[in-house]
PDB file of N, CA and C in Angstrom:
ATOM      1  N   UNK A   1     -21.587 -11.378 -29.969  1.00  0.00           N
ATOM      2  CA  UNK A   1     -21.653 -11.524 -28.657  1.00  0.00           C
ATOM      3  C   UNK A   1     -21.178 -10.383 -27.701  1.00  0.00           C
ATOM      4  N   UNK A   2     -20.062  -9.722 -28.180  1.00  0.00           N
ATOM      5  CA  UNK A   2     -19.590  -8.669 -27.379  1.00  0.00           C
ATOM      6  C   UNK A   2     -20.479  -7.485 -27.407  1.00  0.00           C
ATOM      7  N   UNK A   3     -21.372  -7.328 -28.421  1.00  0.00           N
ATOM      8  CA  UNK A   3     -22.272  -6.257 -28.421  1.00  0.00           C
ATOM      9  C   UNK A   3     -23.561  -6.624 -27.449  1.00  0.00           C
ATOM     10  N   UNK A   4     -23.828  -7.862 -27.499  1.00  0.00           N
ATOM     11  CA  UNK A   4     -24.844  -8.434 -26.516  1.00  0.00           C
ATOM     12  C   UNK A   4     -24.299  -8.169 -24.990  1.00  0.00           C
ATOM     13  N   UNK A   5     -23.149  -8.417 -24.815  1.00  0.00           N
ATOM     14  CA  UNK A   5     -22.456  -8.245 -23.497  1.00  0.00           C
ATOM     15  C   UNK A   5     -22.538  -6.792 -23.138  1.00  0.00           C
ATOM     16  N   UNK A   6     -22.227  -5.819 -24.098  1.00  0.00           N
ATOM     17  CA  UNK A   6     -22.102  -4.530 -23.826  1.00  0.00           C
ATOM     18  C   UNK A   6     -23.494  -3.972 -23.463  1.00  0.00           C
ATOM     19  N   UNK A   7     -24.583  -4.504 -24.202  1.00  0.00           N
ATOM     20  CA  UNK A   7     -26.002  -4.044 -23.956  1.00  0.00           C
ATOM     21  C   UNK A   7     -26.314  -4.593 -22.479  1.00  0.00           C
ATOM     22  N   UNK A   8     -26.063  -5.825 -22.161  1.00  0.00           N
ATOM     23  CA  UNK A   8     -26.313  -6.263 -20.872  1.00  0.00           C
ATOM     24  C   UNK A   8     -25.673  -5.547 -19.767  1.00  0.00           C
ATOM     25  N   UNK A   9     -24.441  -5.157 -19.953  1.00  0.00           N
ATOM     26  CA  UNK A   9     -23.766  -4.473 -18.906  1.00  0.00           C
ATOM     27  C   UNK A   9     -24.241  -2.982 -18.726  1.00  0.00           C
ATOM     28  N   UNK A  10     -24.888  -2.473 -19.745  1.00  0.00           N
ATOM     29  CA  UNK A  10     -25.422  -1.141 -19.739  1.00  0.00           C
ATOM     30  C   UNK A  10     -26.899  -1.113 -19.122  1.00  0.00           C
ATOM     31  N   UNK A  11     -27.499  -2.299 -18.866  1.00  0.00           N
ATOM     32  CA  UNK A  11     -28.758  -2.367 -18.293  1.00  0.00           C
ATOM     33  C   UNK A  11     -28.701  -3.049 -16.826  1.00  0.00           C
ATOM     34  N   UNK A  12     -28.794  -2.144 -15.937  1.00  0.00           N
ATOM     35  CA  UNK A  12     -28.920  -2.692 -14.537  1.00  0.00           C
ATOM     36  C   UNK A  12     -30.167  -3.504 -14.277  1.00  0.00           C
ATOM     37  N   UNK A  13     -30.162  -4.546 -13.446  1.00  0.00           N
ATOM     38  CA  UNK A  13     -29.144  -4.889 -12.529  1.00  0.00           C
ATOM     39  C   UNK A  13     -28.310  -5.979 -13.142  1.00  0.00           C
ATOM     40  N   UNK A  14     -27.114  -5.759 -13.360  1.00  0.00           N
ATOM     41  CA  UNK A  14     -26.092  -6.908 -13.777  1.00  0.00           C
ATOM     42  C   UNK A  14     -24.926  -6.749 -12.752  1.00  0.00           C
ATOM     43  N   UNK A  15     -24.271  -7.834 -12.528  1.00  0.00           N
ATOM     44  CA  UNK A  15     -23.098  -7.887 -11.670  1.00  0.00           C
ATOM     45  C   UNK A  15     -21.995  -8.713 -12.299  1.00  0.00           C
ATOM     46  N   UNK A  16     -20.837  -8.260 -12.167  1.00  0.00           N
ATOM     47  CA  UNK A  16     -19.709  -8.984 -12.655  1.00  0.00           C
ATOM     48  C   UNK A  16     -18.650  -9.068 -11.531  1.00  0.00           C
ATOM     49  N   UNK A  17     -17.824 -10.029 -11.414  1.00  0.00           N
ATOM     50  CA  UNK A  17     -16.735 -10.082 -10.379  1.00  0.00           C
ATOM     51  C   UNK A  17     -15.975  -8.783 -10.392  1.00  0.00           C
ATOM     52  N   UNK A  18     -15.535  -8.442  -9.261  1.00  0.00           N
ATOM     53  CA  UNK A  18     -14.683  -7.185  -9.059  1.00  0.00           C
ATOM     54  C   UNK A  18     -13.206  -7.775  -9.424  1.00  0.00           C
ATOM     55  N   UNK A  19     -12.908  -7.875 -10.692  1.00  0.00           N
ATOM     56  CA  UNK A  19     -11.629  -8.553 -11.002  1.00  0.00           C
ATOM     57  C   UNK A  19     -10.912  -7.718 -12.088  1.00  0.00           C
ATOM     58  N   UNK A  20      -9.616  -7.381 -11.652  1.00  0.00           N
ATOM     59  CA  UNK A  20      -8.900  -6.436 -12.563  1.00  0.00           C
ATOM     60  C   UNK A  20      -8.655  -6.913 -13.982  1.00  0.00           C
ATOM     61  N   UNK A  21      -8.341  -8.195 -14.059  1.00  0.00           N
ATOM     62  CA  UNK A  21      -8.061  -8.807 -15.390  1.00  0.00           C
ATOM     63  C   UNK A  21      -9.349  -8.594 -16.369  1.00  0.00           C
ATOM     64  N   UNK A  22     -10.566  -9.122 -15.666  1.00  0.00           N
ATOM     65  CA  UNK A  22     -11.784  -9.058 -16.354  1.00  0.00           C
ATOM     66  C   UNK A  22     -12.132  -7.634 -16.763  1.00  0.00           C
ATOM     67  N   UNK A  23     -11.931  -6.662 -15.993  1.00  0.00           N
ATOM     68  CA  UNK A  23     -12.317  -5.239 -16.180  1.00  0.00           C
ATOM     69  C   UNK A  23     -11.325  -4.779 -17.414  1.00  0.00           C
ATOM     70  N   UNK A  24     -10.049  -5.109 -17.373  1.00  0.00           N
ATOM     71  CA  UNK A  24      -9.013  -4.681 -18.333  1.00  0.00           C
ATOM     72  C   UNK A  24      -9.435  -5.247 -19.667  1.00  0.00           C
ATOM     73  N   UNK A  25      -9.844  -6.632 -19.698  1.00  0.00           N
ATOM     74  CA  UNK A  25     -10.294  -7.266 -20.860  1.00  0.00           C
ATOM     75  C   UNK A  25     -11.548  -6.755 -21.485  1.00  0.00           C
ATOM     76  N   UNK A  26     -12.483  -6.214 -20.685  1.00  0.00           N
ATOM     77  CA  UNK A  26     -13.699  -5.670 -21.176  1.00  0.00           C
ATOM     78  C   UNK A  26     -13.395  -4.169 -21.756  1.00  0.00           C
ATOM     79  N   UNK A  27     -12.454  -3.501 -21.246  1.00  0.00           N
ATOM     80  CA  UNK A  27     -12.070  -2.141 -21.574  1.00  0.00           C
ATOM     81  C   UNK A  27     -11.098  -2.115 -22.717  1.00  0.00           C
ATOM     82  N   UNK A  28     -10.304  -3.256 -22.981  1.00  0.00           N
ATOM     83  CA  UNK A  28      -9.120  -3.167 -23.953  1.00  0.00           C
ATOM     84  C   UNK A  28      -9.498  -3.033 -25.399  1.00  0.00           C
ATOM     85  N   UNK A  29     -10.369  -3.852 -25.947  1.00  0.00           N
ATOM     86  CA  UNK A  29     -10.674  -3.777 -27.294  1.00  0.00           C
ATOM     87  C   UNK A  29     -11.348  -2.472 -27.766  1.00  0.00           C
ATOM     88  N   UNK A  30     -11.135  -2.064 -28.845  1.00  0.00           N
ATOM     89  CA  UNK A  30     -11.812  -0.882 -29.387  1.00  0.00           C
ATOM     90  C   UNK A  30     -12.699  -1.482 -30.538  1.00  0.00           C
ATOM     91  N   UNK A  31     -13.551  -0.598 -31.042  1.00  0.00           N
ATOM     92  CA  UNK A  31     -14.459  -1.177 -32.058  1.00  0.00           C
ATOM     93  C   UNK A  31     -14.769  -0.078 -33.152  1.00  0.00           C
ATOM     94  N   UNK A  32     -15.280  -0.552 -34.138  1.00  0.00           N
ATOM     95  CA  UNK A  32     -15.762   0.381 -35.350  1.00  0.00           C
ATOM     96  C   UNK A  32     -17.069  -0.216 -35.839  1.00  0.00           C
ATOM     97  N   UNK A  33     -17.506   0.522 -36.804  1.00  0.00           N
ATOM     98  CA  UNK A  33     -18.895  -0.063 -37.442  1.00  0.00           C
ATOM     99  C   UNK A  33     -18.512  -0.172 -38.920  1.00  0.00           C
ATOM    100  N   UNK A  34     -19.009  -1.320 -39.553  1.00  0.00           N
ATOM    101  CA  UNK A  34     -18.833  -1.515 -41.016  1.00  0.00           C
ATOM    102  C   UNK A  34     -19.776  -0.678 -41.768  1.00  0.00           C
ATOM    103  N   UNK A  35     -19.840  -0.701 -43.167  1.00  0.00           N
ATOM    104  CA  UNK A  35     -20.638   0.002 -44.032  1.00  0.00           C
ATOM    105  C   UNK A  35     -22.194  -0.398 -43.783  1.00  0.00           C
ATOM    106  N   UNK A  36     -22.414  -1.574 -43.224  1.00  0.00           N
ATOM    107  CA  UNK A  36     -23.763  -2.049 -42.913  1.00  0.00           C
ATOM    108  C   UNK A  36     -24.334  -1.606 -41.456  1.00  0.00           C
ATOM    109  N   UNK A  37     -23.427  -0.904 -40.759  1.00  0.00           N
ATOM    110  CA  UNK A  37     -23.757  -0.559 -39.350  1.00  0.00           C
ATOM    111  C   UNK A  37     -23.459  -1.611 -38.346  1.00  0.00           C
ATOM    112  N   UNK A  38     -22.842  -2.613 -38.790  1.00  0.00           N
ATOM    113  CA  UNK A  38     -22.513  -3.710 -37.950  1.00  0.00           C
ATOM    114  C   UNK A  38     -21.248  -3.468 -37.036  1.00  0.00           C
ATOM    115  N   UNK A  39     -21.370  -3.806 -35.809  1.00  0.00           N
ATOM    116  CA  UNK A  39     -20.291  -3.610 -34.805  1.00  0.00           C
ATOM    117  C   UNK A  39     -19.084  -4.592 -35.225  1.00  0.00           C
ATOM    118  N   UNK A  40     -17.850  -3.920 -35.371  1.00  0.00           N
ATOM    119  CA  UNK A  40     -16.659  -4.756 -35.613  1.00  0.00           C
ATOM    120  C   UNK A  40     -15.693  -4.407 -34.455  1.00  0.00           C
ATOM    121  N   UNK A  41     -15.412  -5.642 -33.683  1.00  0.00           N
ATOM    122  CA  UNK A  41     -14.559  -5.531 -32.595  1.00  0.00           C
ATOM    123  C   UNK A  41     -13.111  -5.559 -33.060  1.00  0.00           C
ATOM    124  N   UNK A  42     -12.219  -4.920 -32.460  1.00  0.00           N
ATOM    125  CA  UNK A  42     -10.867  -4.887 -32.660  1.00  0.00           C
ATOM    126  C   UNK A  42     -10.303  -6.361 -32.817  1.00  0.00           C
ATOM    127  N   UNK A  43      -9.359  -6.644 -33.762  1.00  0.00           N
ATOM    128  CA  UNK A  43      -8.901  -7.917 -33.734  1.00  0.00           C
ATOM    129  C   UNK A  43      -7.773  -8.082 -32.737  1.00  0.00           C
ATOM    130  N   UNK A  44      -7.507  -9.389 -32.266  1.00  0.00           N
ATOM    131  CA  UNK A  44      -6.476  -9.661 -31.298  1.00  0.00           C
ATOM    132  C   UNK A  44      -5.118  -9.243 -31.738  1.00  0.00           C
ATOM    133  N   UNK A  45      -4.915  -9.422 -33.155  1.00  0.00           N
ATOM    134  CA  UNK A  45      -3.564  -8.996 -33.664  1.00  0.00           C
ATOM    135  C   UNK A  45      -3.318  -7.494 -33.611  1.00  0.00           C
ATOM    136  N   UNK A  46      -4.464  -6.776 -33.748  1.00  0.00           N
ATOM    137  CA  UNK A  46      -4.368  -5.272 -33.510  1.00  0.00           C
ATOM    138  C   UNK A  46      -4.097  -4.924 -32.069  1.00  0.00           C
ATOM    139  N   UNK A  47      -4.729  -5.645 -31.202  1.00  0.00           N
ATOM    140  CA  UNK A  47      -4.605  -5.427 -29.815  1.00  0.00           C
ATOM    141  C   UNK A  47      -3.237  -5.568 -29.404  1.00  0.00           C
ATOM    142  N   UNK A  48      -2.568  -6.736 -29.826  1.00  0.00           N
ATOM    143  CA  UNK A  48      -1.218  -7.067 -29.756  1.00  0.00           C
ATOM    144  C   UNK A  48      -0.217  -5.992 -30.170  1.00  0.00           C
ATOM    145  N   UNK A  49      -0.528  -5.397 -31.250  1.00  0.00           N
ATOM    146  CA  UNK A  49       0.224  -4.293 -31.839  1.00  0.00           C
ATOM    147  C   UNK A  49       0.279  -3.048 -31.010  1.00  0.00           C
ATOM    148  N   UNK A  50      -0.861  -2.933 -30.207  1.00  0.00           N
ATOM    149  CA  UNK A  50      -0.960  -1.767 -29.266  1.00  0.00           C
ATOM    150  C   UNK A  50      -0.410  -2.152 -27.877  1.00  0.00           C
ATOM    151  N   UNK A  51       0.079  -3.299 -27.699  1.00  0.00           N
ATOM    152  CA  UNK A  51       0.709  -3.767 -26.407  1.00  0.00           C
ATOM    153  C   UNK A  51      -0.216  -4.444 -25.566  1.00  0.00           C
ATOM    154  N   UNK A  52      -1.484  -4.817 -25.995  1.00  0.00           N
ATOM    155  CA  UNK A  52      -2.362  -5.548 -25.087  1.00  0.00           C
ATOM    156  C   UNK A  52      -2.317  -7.055 -25.305  1.00  0.00           C
ATOM    157  N   UNK A  53      -2.654  -7.672 -24.236  1.00  0.00           N
ATOM    158  CA  UNK A  53      -2.780  -9.201 -24.401  1.00  0.00           C
ATOM    159  C   UNK A  53      -4.085  -9.565 -24.841  1.00  0.00           C
ATOM    160  N   UNK A  54      -4.371 -10.826 -25.212  1.00  0.00           N
ATOM    161  CA  UNK A  54      -5.543 -11.306 -25.678  1.00  0.00           C
ATOM    162  C   UNK A  54      -6.561 -11.218 -24.485  1.00  0.00           C
ATOM    163  N   UNK A  55      -7.754 -10.711 -24.741  1.00  0.00           N
ATOM    164  CA  UNK A  55      -8.844 -10.574 -23.755  1.00  0.00           C
ATOM    165  C   UNK A  55      -9.539 -11.858 -23.323  1.00  0.00           C
ATOM    166  N   UNK A  56      -8.946 -12.848 -22.849  1.00  0.00           N
ATOM    167  CA  UNK A  56      -9.381 -14.201 -22.639  1.00  0.00           C
ATOM    168  C   UNK A  56     -10.625 -14.197 -21.663  1.00  0.00           C
ATOM    169  N   UNK A  57     -10.431 -13.418 -20.582  1.00  0.00           N
ATOM    170  CA  UNK A  57     -11.560 -13.437 -19.510  1.00  0.00           C
ATOM    171  C   UNK A  57     -12.754 -12.768 -20.189  1.00  0.00           C
ATOM    172  N   UNK A  58     -12.576 -11.655 -20.892  1.00  0.00           N
ATOM    173  CA  UNK A  58     -13.613 -10.973 -21.536  1.00  0.00           C
ATOM    174  C   UNK A  58     -14.329 -11.814 -22.559  1.00  0.00           C
ATOM    175  N   UNK A  59     -13.518 -12.462 -23.379  1.00  0.00           N
ATOM    176  CA  UNK A  59     -14.051 -13.471 -24.300  1.00  0.00           C
ATOM    177  C   UNK A  59     -14.949 -14.581 -23.729  1.00  0.00           C
ATOM    178  N   UNK A  60     -14.401 -15.115 -22.440  1.00  0.00           N
ATOM    179  CA  UNK A  60     -15.216 -16.074 -21.803  1.00  0.00           C
ATOM    180  C   UNK A  60     -16.599 -15.577 -21.349  1.00  0.00           C
ATOM    181  N   UNK A  61     -16.494 -14.320 -20.876  1.00  0.00           N
ATOM    182  CA  UNK A  61     -17.942 -13.699 -20.500  1.00  0.00           C
ATOM    183  C   UNK A  61     -18.742 -13.484 -21.701  1.00  0.00           C
ATOM    184  N   UNK A  62     -18.185 -12.898 -22.776  1.00  0.00           N
ATOM    185  CA  UNK A  62     -18.987 -12.692 -23.937  1.00  0.00           C
ATOM    186  C   UNK A  62     -19.517 -14.014 -24.589  1.00  0.00           C
ATOM    187  N   UNK A  63     -18.885 -15.217 -24.469  1.00  0.00           N
ATOM    188  CA  UNK A  63     -19.344 -16.330 -24.913  1.00  0.00           C
ATOM    189  C   UNK A  63     -20.665 -16.850 -24.421  1.00  0.00           C
ATOM    190  N   UNK A  64     -20.837 -16.266 -23.084  1.00  0.00           N
ATOM    191  CA  UNK A  64     -22.136 -16.603 -22.413  1.00  0.00           C
ATOM    192  C   UNK A  64     -23.357 -15.995 -23.179  1.00  0.00           C
ATOM    193  N   UNK A  65     -23.167 -15.132 -24.084  1.00  0.00           N
ATOM    194  CA  UNK A  65     -24.186 -14.482 -24.907  1.00  0.00           C
ATOM    195  C   UNK A  65     -24.265 -15.113 -26.310  1.00  0.00           C
ATOM    196  N   UNK A  66     -23.618 -16.257 -26.558  1.00  0.00           N
ATOM    197  CA  UNK A  66     -23.563 -17.019 -27.869  1.00  0.00           C
ATOM    198  C   UNK A  66     -25.036 -17.245 -28.255  1.00  0.00           C
ATOM    199  N   UNK A  67     -25.798 -17.847 -27.366  1.00  0.00           N
ATOM    200  CA  UNK A  67     -27.163 -18.373 -27.624  1.00  0.00           C
ATOM    201  C   UNK A  67     -28.080 -17.681 -26.598  1.00  0.00           C
ATOM    202  N   UNK A  68     -29.148 -17.159 -27.107  1.00  0.00           N
ATOM    203  CA  UNK A  68     -30.187 -16.453 -26.171  1.00  0.00           C
ATOM    204  C   UNK A  68     -30.844 -17.556 -25.276  1.00  0.00           C
ATOM    205  N   UNK A  69     -30.932 -17.171 -24.016  1.00  0.00           N
ATOM    206  CA  UNK A  69     -31.538 -18.142 -23.052  1.00  0.00           C
ATOM    207  C   UNK A  69     -32.711 -17.432 -22.342  1.00  0.00           C
ATOM    208  N   UNK A  70     -33.761 -18.000 -22.283  1.00  0.00           N
ATOM    209  CA  UNK A  70     -34.849 -17.279 -21.510  1.00  0.00           C
ATOM    210  C   UNK A  70     -35.433 -18.309 -20.522  1.00  0.00           C
ATOM    211  N   UNK A  71     -35.937 -17.874 -19.296  1.00  0.00           N
ATOM    212  CA  UNK A  71     -36.525 -18.896 -18.484  1.00  0.00           C
ATOM    213  C   UNK A  71     -37.658 -19.441 -19.035  1.00  0.00           C
ATOM    214  N   UNK A  72     -37.989 -20.672 -18.742  1.00  0.00           N
ATOM    215  CA  UNK A  72     -39.254 -21.240 -19.274  1.00  0.00           C
ATOM    216  C   UNK A  72     -40.134 -21.816 -18.092  1.00  0.00           C
ATOM    217  N   UNK A  73     -41.231 -21.308 -18.266  1.00  0.00           N
ATOM    218  CA  UNK A  73     -42.362 -21.783 -17.245  1.00  0.00           C
ATOM    219  C   UNK A  73     -42.660 -23.232 -17.615  1.00  0.00           C
ATOM    220  N   UNK A  74     -42.805 -24.051 -16.501  1.00  0.00           N
ATOM    221  CA  UNK A  74     -43.150 -25.380 -16.732  1.00  0.00           C
ATOM    222  C   UNK A  74     -44.515 -25.600 -16.257  1.00  0.00           C
ATOM    223  N   UNK A  75     -45.296 -26.094 -17.173  1.00  0.00           N
ATOM    224  CA  UNK A  75     -46.794 -26.287 -16.881  1.00  0.00           C
ATOM    225  C   UNK A  75     -46.760 -27.414 -15.927  1.00  0.00           C
ATOM    226  N   UNK A  76     -47.988 -27.648 -15.336  1.00  0.00           N
ATOM    227  CA  UNK A  76     -48.259 -28.863 -14.436  1.00  0.00           C
ATOM    228  C   UNK A  76     -48.131 -30.107 -15.309  1.00  0.00           C
ATOM    229  N   UNK A  77     -48.597 -30.260 -16.659  1.00  0.00           N
ATOM    230  CA  UNK A  77     -48.576 -31.314 -17.471  1.00  0.00           C
ATOM    231  C   UNK A  77     -47.120 -31.641 -17.770  1.00  0.00           C
ATOM    232  N   UNK A  78     -46.344 -30.541 -17.936  1.00  0.00           N
ATOM    233  CA  UNK A  78     -44.883 -30.857 -18.241  1.00  0.00           C
ATOM    234  C   UNK A  78     -44.216 -31.346 -17.055  1.00  0.00           C
ATOM    235  N   UNK A  79     -44.528 -30.888 -15.833  1.00  0.00           N
ATOM    236  CA  UNK A  79     -43.903 -31.451 -14.647  1.00  0.00           C
ATOM    237  C   UNK A  79     -44.309 -32.911 -14.458  1.00  0.00           C
ATOM    238  N   UNK A  80     -45.512 -33.239 -14.663  1.00  0.00           N
ATOM    239  CA  UNK A  80     -45.967 -34.569 -14.537  1.00  0.00           C
ATOM    240  C   UNK A  80     -45.211 -35.448 -15.446  1.00  0.00           C
ATOM    241  N   UNK A  81     -45.091 -35.035 -16.738  1.00  0.00           N
ATOM    242  CA  UNK A  81     -44.412 -35.914 -17.790  1.00  0.00           C
ATOM    243  C   UNK A  81     -42.959 -36.017 -17.302  1.00  0.00           C
ATOM    244  N   UNK A  82     -42.444 -35.071 -16.686  1.00  0.00           N
ATOM    245  CA  UNK A  82     -40.959 -35.183 -16.359  1.00  0.00           C
ATOM    246  C   UNK A  82     -40.759 -35.805 -15.101  1.00  0.00           C
ATOM    247  N   UNK A  83     -41.584 -35.622 -14.150  1.00  0.00           N
ATOM    248  CA  UNK A  83     -41.263 -36.090 -12.797  1.00  0.00           C
ATOM    249  C   UNK A  83     -42.348 -37.100 -12.343  1.00  0.00           C
ATOM    250  N   UNK A  84     -43.224 -37.486 -13.134  1.00  0.00           N
ATOM    251  CA  UNK A  84     -44.285 -38.527 -12.863  1.00  0.00           C
ATOM    252  C   UNK A  84     -45.234 -37.945 -11.750  1.00  0.00           C
ATOM    253  N   UNK A  85     -45.721 -38.754 -10.877  1.00  0.00           N
ATOM    254  CA  UNK A  85     -46.814 -38.304  -9.932  1.00  0.00           C
ATOM    255  C   UNK A  85     -46.131 -37.527  -8.762  1.00  0.00           C
ATOM    256  N   UNK A  86     -44.893 -37.676  -8.568  1.00  0.00           N
ATOM    257  CA  UNK A  86     -44.157 -36.756  -7.447  1.00  0.00           C
ATOM    258  C   UNK A  86     -44.466 -35.282  -7.724  1.00  0.00           C
ATOM    259  N   UNK A  87     -44.607 -34.558  -6.556  1.00  0.00           N
ATOM    260  CA  UNK A  87     -44.854 -33.129  -6.627  1.00  0.00           C
ATOM    261  C   UNK A  87     -43.467 -32.433  -6.844  1.00  0.00           C
ATOM    262  N   UNK A  88     -42.414 -33.055  -6.224  1.00  0.00           N
ATOM    263  CA  UNK A  88     -41.084 -32.519  -6.244  1.00  0.00           C
ATOM    264  C   UNK A  88     -40.162 -33.607  -6.753  1.00  0.00           C
ATOM    265  N   UNK A  89     -39.150 -33.132  -7.572  1.00  0.00           N
ATOM    266  CA  UNK A  89     -38.223 -34.169  -7.979  1.00  0.00           C
ATOM    267  C   UNK A  89     -37.365 -34.542  -6.914  1.00  0.00           C
ATOM    268  N   UNK A  90     -37.048 -35.730  -6.811  1.00  0.00           N
ATOM    269  CA  UNK A  90     -35.959 -36.194  -5.837  1.00  0.00           C
ATOM    270  C   UNK A  90     -34.694 -36.588  -6.671  1.00  0.00           C
ATOM    271  N   UNK A  91     -33.606 -35.824  -6.379  1.00  0.00           N
ATOM    272  CA  UNK A  91     -32.451 -35.797  -7.147  1.00  0.00           C
ATOM    273  C   UNK A  91     -31.341 -36.417  -6.229  1.00  0.00           C
ATOM    274  N   UNK A  92     -30.525 -37.389  -6.851  1.00  0.00           N
ATOM    275  CA  UNK A  92     -29.453 -37.803  -6.091  1.00  0.00           C
ATOM    276  C   UNK A  92     -28.169 -37.207  -6.500  1.00  0.00           C
ATOM    277  N   UNK A  93     -28.205 -36.484  -7.591  1.00  0.00           N
ATOM    278  CA  UNK A  93     -27.117 -35.614  -8.107  1.00  0.00           C
ATOM    279  C   UNK A  93     -27.685 -34.595  -8.954  1.00  0.00           C
ATOM    280  N   UNK A  94     -26.931 -33.584  -9.351  1.00  0.00           N
ATOM    281  CA  UNK A  94     -27.307 -32.384 -10.186  1.00  0.00           C
ATOM    282  C   UNK A  94     -27.658 -33.090 -11.579  1.00  0.00           C
ATOM    283  N   UNK A  95     -27.142 -34.232 -11.970  1.00  0.00           N
ATOM    284  CA  UNK A  95     -27.327 -34.690 -13.388  1.00  0.00           C
ATOM    285  C   UNK A  95     -28.739 -35.537 -13.424  1.00  0.00           C
ATOM    286  N   UNK A  96     -29.269 -35.825 -12.366  1.00  0.00           N
ATOM    287  CA  UNK A  96     -30.452 -36.688 -12.463  1.00  0.00           C
ATOM    288  C   UNK A  96     -31.734 -35.906 -12.547  1.00  0.00           C
ATOM    289  N   UNK A  97     -31.621 -34.636 -12.528  1.00  0.00           N
ATOM    290  CA  UNK A  97     -32.976 -33.900 -12.827  1.00  0.00           C
ATOM    291  C   UNK A  97     -33.216 -33.751 -14.254  1.00  0.00           C
TER     292      UNK A  97
END
């Protein structure tokens, strides 16, 4: 997830909050590669030994990359199945769509 986050941050346009804690969390951990060429992020225990705190805000952002998500085009037949004959859904709350 952290590797996916790194790749996303290196491909504009991406925006993250201008937050010192988040920036420190993203820059705190070091990494190496194992014999298979896989990215290995520094453990939190090793970060603690270096005097750094747990990168909780960075972990939260990295978790958004746990499952790939892509926008899905909804066909007219899919819209009809989902919303019936209405052209536009009528929602009473965000949970009703």
